[in-house]
Amino acid sequence: MSVKIEDGCISCGACESICEAVFTVEDIAVVNQAAVADNMACVKEAADACPVNVIVIE
């Protein structure tokens, strides 16, 4: 599985606070793909919590 951030990220930091092993917020959220497989539960939680729905799990 892979995770991407679509255009429209508002850098709110919700994803990073929920799943800091995978998400880092700089100008926009950045995904650590190497950590996705071991952290799918919090990745899904972060995607559900994203206020602009830009986290896509493929």
PDB file of N, CA and C in Angstrom:
ATOM      1  N   MET A   1       0.832  -1.188   0.000  1.00  0.00           N
ATOM      2  CA  MET A   1       0.000   0.000   0.000  1.00  0.00           C
ATOM      3  C   MET A   1       0.868   1.239   0.000  1.00  0.00           C
ATOM      4  N   SER A   2       0.335   2.266  -0.590  1.00  0.00           N
ATOM      5  CA  SER A   2       1.030   3.547  -0.544  1.00  0.00           C
ATOM      6  C   SER A   2       0.051   4.622  -0.110  1.00  0.00           C
ATOM      7  N   VAL A   3       0.597   5.705   0.358  1.00  0.00           N
ATOM      8  CA  VAL A   3      -0.208   6.825   0.833  1.00  0.00           C
ATOM      9  C   VAL A   3       0.307   8.070   0.138  1.00  0.00           C
ATOM     10  N   LYS A   4      -0.610   8.899  -0.326  1.00  0.00           N
ATOM     11  CA  LYS A   4      -0.184  10.170  -0.924  1.00  0.00           C
ATOM     12  C   LYS A   4      -1.041  11.298  -0.386  1.00  0.00           C
ATOM     13  N   ILE A   5      -0.501  12.495  -0.514  1.00  0.00           N
ATOM     14  CA  ILE A   5      -1.202  13.710  -0.119  1.00  0.00           C
ATOM     15  C   ILE A   5      -1.578  14.447  -1.398  1.00  0.00           C
ATOM     16  N   GLU A   6      -2.866  14.629  -1.615  1.00  0.00           N
ATOM     17  CA  GLU A   6      -3.329  15.360  -2.801  1.00  0.00           C
ATOM     18  C   GLU A   6      -3.186  16.860  -2.564  1.00  0.00           C
ATOM     19  N   ASP A   7      -3.303  17.617  -3.651  1.00  0.00           N
ATOM     20  CA  ASP A   7      -3.281  19.075  -3.541  1.00  0.00           C
ATOM     21  C   ASP A   7      -4.392  19.531  -2.602  1.00  0.00           C
ATOM     22  N   GLY A   8      -4.106  20.537  -1.819  1.00  0.00           N
ATOM     23  CA  GLY A   8      -5.110  21.102  -0.939  1.00  0.00           C
ATOM     24  C   GLY A   8      -4.790  20.949   0.537  1.00  0.00           C
ATOM     25  N   CYS A   9      -3.649  20.337   0.856  1.00  0.00           N
ATOM     26  CA  CYS A   9      -3.244  20.190   2.255  1.00  0.00           C
ATOM     27  C   CYS A   9      -3.131  21.579   2.883  1.00  0.00           C
ATOM     28  N   ILE A  10      -3.722  21.740   4.079  1.00  0.00           N
ATOM     29  CA  ILE A  10      -3.693  23.033   4.766  1.00  0.00           C
ATOM     30  C   ILE A  10      -2.675  23.062   5.915  1.00  0.00           C
ATOM     31  N   SER A  11      -1.854  22.016   6.017  1.00  0.00           N
ATOM     32  CA  SER A  11      -0.790  21.939   7.033  1.00  0.00           C
ATOM     33  C   SER A  11      -1.311  22.099   8.447  1.00  0.00           C
ATOM     34  N   CYS A  12      -2.464  21.502   8.730  1.00  0.00           N
ATOM     35  CA  CYS A  12      -3.055  21.644  10.060  1.00  0.00           C
ATOM     36  C   CYS A  12      -2.328  20.825  11.113  1.00  0.00           C
ATOM     37  N   GLY A  13      -1.635  19.757  10.680  1.00  0.00           N
ATOM     38  CA  GLY A  13      -0.875  18.931  11.607  1.00  0.00           C
ATOM     39  C   GLY A  13      -1.640  17.778  12.226  1.00  0.00           C
ATOM     40  N   ALA A  14      -2.910  17.605  11.874  1.00  0.00           N
ATOM     41  CA  ALA A  14      -3.704  16.516  12.453  1.00  0.00           C
ATOM     42  C   ALA A  14      -3.090  15.157  12.142  1.00  0.00           C
ATOM     43  N   CYS A  15      -2.672  14.940  10.908  1.00  0.00           N
ATOM     44  CA  CYS A  15      -2.101  13.644  10.528  1.00  0.00           C
ATOM     45  C   CYS A  15      -0.834  13.348  11.314  1.00  0.00           C
ATOM     46  N   GLU A  16       0.007  14.357  11.467  1.00  0.00           N
ATOM     47  CA  GLU A  16       1.257  14.175  12.201  1.00  0.00           C
ATOM     48  C   GLU A  16       0.989  13.876  13.678  1.00  0.00           C
ATOM     49  N   SER A  17       0.010  14.527  14.267  1.00  0.00           N
ATOM     50  CA  SER A  17      -0.275  14.285  15.681  1.00  0.00           C
ATOM     51  C   SER A  17      -0.863  12.897  15.906  1.00  0.00           C
ATOM     52  N   ILE A  18      -1.562  12.363  14.910  1.00  0.00           N
ATOM     53  CA  ILE A  18      -2.153  11.030  15.019  1.00  0.00           C
ATOM     54  C   ILE A  18      -1.146   9.947  14.671  1.00  0.00           C
ATOM     55  N   CYS A  19      -0.305  10.194  13.666  1.00  0.00           N
ATOM     56  CA  CYS A  19       0.588   9.147  13.155  1.00  0.00           C
ATOM     57  C   CYS A  19       1.950   9.735  12.774  1.00  0.00           C
ATOM     58  N   GLU A  20       2.708  10.124  13.787  1.00  0.00           N
ATOM     59  CA  GLU A  20       3.969  10.814  13.522  1.00  0.00           C
ATOM     60  C   GLU A  20       5.033   9.924  12.892  1.00  0.00           C
ATOM     61  N   ALA A  21       4.853   8.612  12.939  1.00  0.00           N
ATOM     62  CA  ALA A  21       5.813   7.708  12.290  1.00  0.00           C
ATOM     63  C   ALA A  21       5.734   7.808  10.769  1.00  0.00           C
ATOM     64  N   VAL A  22       4.571   8.231  10.269  1.00  0.00           N
ATOM     65  CA  VAL A  22       4.346   8.268   8.820  1.00  0.00           C
ATOM     66  C   VAL A  22       4.280   9.698   8.283  1.00  0.00           C
ATOM     67  N   PHE A  23       3.649  10.600   9.011  1.00  0.00           N
ATOM     68  CA  PHE A  23       3.418  11.953   8.495  1.00  0.00           C
ATOM     69  C   PHE A  23       4.292  12.989   9.191  1.00  0.00           C
ATOM     70  N   THR A  24       4.834  13.899   8.380  1.00  0.00           N
ATOM     71  CA  THR A  24       5.564  15.057   8.866  1.00  0.00           C
ATOM     72  C   THR A  24       4.971  16.262   8.156  1.00  0.00           C
ATOM     73  N   VAL A  25       4.687  17.316   8.893  1.00  0.00           N
ATOM     74  CA  VAL A  25       4.128  18.515   8.273  1.00  0.00           C
ATOM     75  C   VAL A  25       5.216  19.570   8.190  1.00  0.00           C
ATOM     76  N   GLU A  26       5.519  19.944   6.954  1.00  0.00           N
ATOM     77  CA  GLU A  26       6.456  21.041   6.703  1.00  0.00           C
ATOM     78  C   GLU A  26       5.605  22.146   6.073  1.00  0.00           C
ATOM     79  N   ASP A  27       5.813  22.467   4.803  1.00  0.00           N
ATOM     80  CA  ASP A  27       4.897  23.394   4.124  1.00  0.00           C
ATOM     81  C   ASP A  27       3.574  22.682   3.866  1.00  0.00           C
ATOM     82  N   ILE A  28       3.679  21.384   3.558  1.00  0.00           N
ATOM     83  CA  ILE A  28       2.519  20.503   3.445  1.00  0.00           C
ATOM     84  C   ILE A  28       2.902  19.184   4.102  1.00  0.00           C
ATOM     85  N   ALA A  29       1.940  18.304   4.255  1.00  0.00           N
ATOM     86  CA  ALA A  29       2.237  17.001   4.848  1.00  0.00           C
ATOM     87  C   ALA A  29       3.123  16.190   3.907  1.00  0.00           C
ATOM     88  N   VAL A  30       4.068  15.465   4.493  1.00  0.00           N
ATOM     89  CA  VAL A  30       4.979  14.595   3.765  1.00  0.00           C
ATOM     90  C   VAL A  30       4.813  13.190   4.327  1.00  0.00           C
ATOM     91  N   VAL A  31       4.823  12.184   3.442  1.00  0.00           N
ATOM     92  CA  VAL A  31       4.608  10.794   3.850  1.00  0.00           C
ATOM     93  C   VAL A  31       5.928  10.031   3.842  1.00  0.00           C
ATOM     94  N   ASN A  32       6.191   9.299   4.918  1.00  0.00           N
ATOM     95  CA  ASN A  32       7.327   8.385   4.990  1.00  0.00           C
ATOM     96  C   ASN A  32       6.805   7.020   4.520  1.00  0.00           C
ATOM     97  N   GLN A  33       6.930   6.742   3.227  1.00  0.00           N
ATOM     98  CA  GLN A  33       6.380   5.516   2.646  1.00  0.00           C
ATOM     99  C   GLN A  33       6.929   4.252   3.313  1.00  0.00           C
ATOM    100  N   ALA A  34       8.170   4.285   3.759  1.00  0.00           N
ATOM    101  CA  ALA A  34       8.780   3.105   4.371  1.00  0.00           C
ATOM    102  C   ALA A  34       8.078   2.704   5.668  1.00  0.00           C
ATOM    103  N   ALA A  35       7.393   3.635   6.309  1.00  0.00           N
ATOM    104  CA  ALA A  35       6.740   3.358   7.587  1.00  0.00           C
ATOM    105  C   ALA A  35       5.257   3.028   7.444  1.00  0.00           C
ATOM    106  N   VAL A  36       4.704   3.139   6.243  1.00  0.00           N
ATOM    107  CA  VAL A  36       3.262   2.960   6.050  1.00  0.00           C
ATOM    108  C   VAL A  36       2.790   1.569   6.460  1.00  0.00           C
ATOM    109  N   ALA A  37       3.426   0.515   5.958  1.00  0.00           N
ATOM    110  CA  ALA A  37       2.955  -0.853   6.188  1.00  0.00           C
ATOM    111  C   ALA A  37       2.857  -1.205   7.672  1.00  0.00           C
ATOM    112  N   ASP A  38       3.793  -0.730   8.465  1.00  0.00           N
ATOM    113  CA  ASP A  38       3.789  -1.044   9.889  1.00  0.00           C
ATOM    114  C   ASP A  38       2.860  -0.161  10.710  1.00  0.00           C
ATOM    115  N   ASN A  39       2.241   0.821  10.081  1.00  0.00           N
ATOM    116  CA  ASN A  39       1.427   1.799  10.815  1.00  0.00           C
ATOM    117  C   ASN A  39       0.058   2.041  10.176  1.00  0.00           C
ATOM    118  N   MET A  40      -0.493   1.021   9.521  1.00  0.00           N
ATOM    119  CA  MET A  40      -1.741   1.227   8.773  1.00  0.00           C
ATOM    120  C   MET A  40      -2.905   1.680   9.647  1.00  0.00           C
ATOM    121  N   ALA A  41      -2.979   1.235  10.876  1.00  0.00           N
ATOM    122  CA  ALA A  41      -4.096   1.637  11.744  1.00  0.00           C
ATOM    123  C   ALA A  41      -4.106   3.150  11.950  1.00  0.00           C
ATOM    124  N   CYS A  42      -2.941   3.714  12.265  1.00  0.00           N
ATOM    125  CA  CYS A  42      -2.928   5.159  12.494  1.00  0.00           C
ATOM    126  C   CYS A  42      -2.970   5.942  11.182  1.00  0.00           C
ATOM    127  N   VAL A  43      -2.500   5.349  10.075  1.00  0.00           N
ATOM    128  CA  VAL A  43      -2.631   6.009   8.766  1.00  0.00           C
ATOM    129  C   VAL A  43      -4.106   6.171   8.425  1.00  0.00           C
ATOM    130  N   LYS A  44      -4.890   5.120   8.633  1.00  0.00           N
ATOM    131  CA  LYS A  44      -6.332   5.198   8.354  1.00  0.00           C
ATOM    132  C   LYS A  44      -7.012   6.194   9.271  1.00  0.00           C
ATOM    133  N   GLU A  45      -6.608   6.219  10.531  1.00  0.00           N
ATOM    134  CA  GLU A  45      -7.177   7.184  11.480  1.00  0.00           C
ATOM    135  C   GLU A  45      -6.851   8.611  11.042  1.00  0.00           C
ATOM    136  N   ALA A  46      -5.616   8.835  10.601  1.00  0.00           N
ATOM    137  CA  ALA A  46      -5.218  10.166  10.139  1.00  0.00           C
ATOM    138  C   ALA A  46      -5.992  10.570   8.889  1.00  0.00           C
ATOM    139  N   ALA A  47      -6.180   9.631   7.972  1.00  0.00           N
ATOM    140  CA  ALA A  47      -6.947   9.927   6.752  1.00  0.00           C
ATOM    141  C   ALA A  47      -8.378  10.314   7.103  1.00  0.00           C
ATOM    142  N   ASP A  48      -8.978   9.601   8.048  1.00  0.00           N
ATOM    143  CA  ASP A  48     -10.348   9.908   8.468  1.00  0.00           C
ATOM    144  C   ASP A  48     -10.440  11.260   9.168  1.00  0.00           C
ATOM    145  N   ALA A  49      -9.371  11.642   9.870  1.00  0.00           N
ATOM    146  CA  ALA A  49      -9.373  12.895  10.626  1.00  0.00           C
ATOM    147  C   ALA A  49      -9.014  14.114   9.786  1.00  0.00           C
ATOM    148  N   CYS A  50      -8.448  13.913   8.595  1.00  0.00           N
ATOM    149  CA  CYS A  50      -8.020  15.037   7.758  1.00  0.00           C
ATOM    150  C   CYS A  50      -9.210  15.938   7.429  1.00  0.00           C
ATOM    151  N   PRO A  51      -9.152  17.217   7.823  1.00  0.00           N
ATOM    152  CA  PRO A  51     -10.301  18.105   7.602  1.00  0.00           C
ATOM    153  C   PRO A  51     -10.561  18.446   6.131  1.00  0.00           C
ATOM    154  N   VAL A  52      -9.567  18.256   5.267  1.00  0.00           N
ATOM    155  CA  VAL A  52      -9.756  18.562   3.842  1.00  0.00           C
ATOM    156  C   VAL A  52      -9.689  17.309   2.969  1.00  0.00           C
ATOM    157  N   ASN A  53      -9.633  16.144   3.612  1.00  0.00           N
ATOM    158  CA  ASN A  53      -9.687  14.843   2.904  1.00  0.00           C
ATOM    159  C   ASN A  53      -8.679  14.713   1.768  1.00  0.00           C
ATOM    160  N   VAL A  54      -7.414  15.029   2.045  1.00  0.00           N
ATOM    161  CA  VAL A  54      -6.390  14.937   0.995  1.00  0.00           C
ATOM    162  C   VAL A  54      -5.450  13.752   1.165  1.00  0.00           C
ATOM    163  N   ILE A  55      -5.652  12.937   2.202  1.00  0.00           N
ATOM    164  CA  ILE A  55      -4.819  11.751   2.403  1.00  0.00           C
ATOM    165  C   ILE A  55      -5.479  10.589   1.662  1.00  0.00           C
ATOM    166  N   VAL A  56      -4.753  10.036   0.696  1.00  0.00           N
ATOM    167  CA  VAL A  56      -5.284   8.964  -0.126  1.00  0.00           C
ATOM    168  C   VAL A  56      -4.473   7.700   0.113  1.00  0.00           C
ATOM    169  N   ILE A  57      -5.177   6.618   0.463  1.00  0.00           N
ATOM    170  CA  ILE A  57      -4.545   5.318   0.678  1.00  0.00           C
ATOM    171  C   ILE A  57      -4.831   4.481  -0.563  1.00  0.00           C
ATOM    172  N   GLU A  58      -3.756   4.016  -1.203  1.00  0.00           N
ATOM    173  CA  GLU A  58      -3.917   3.260  -2.449  1.00  0.00           C
ATOM    174  C   GLU A  58      -3.471   1.831  -2.263  1.00  0.00           C
TER     175      GLU A  58
END
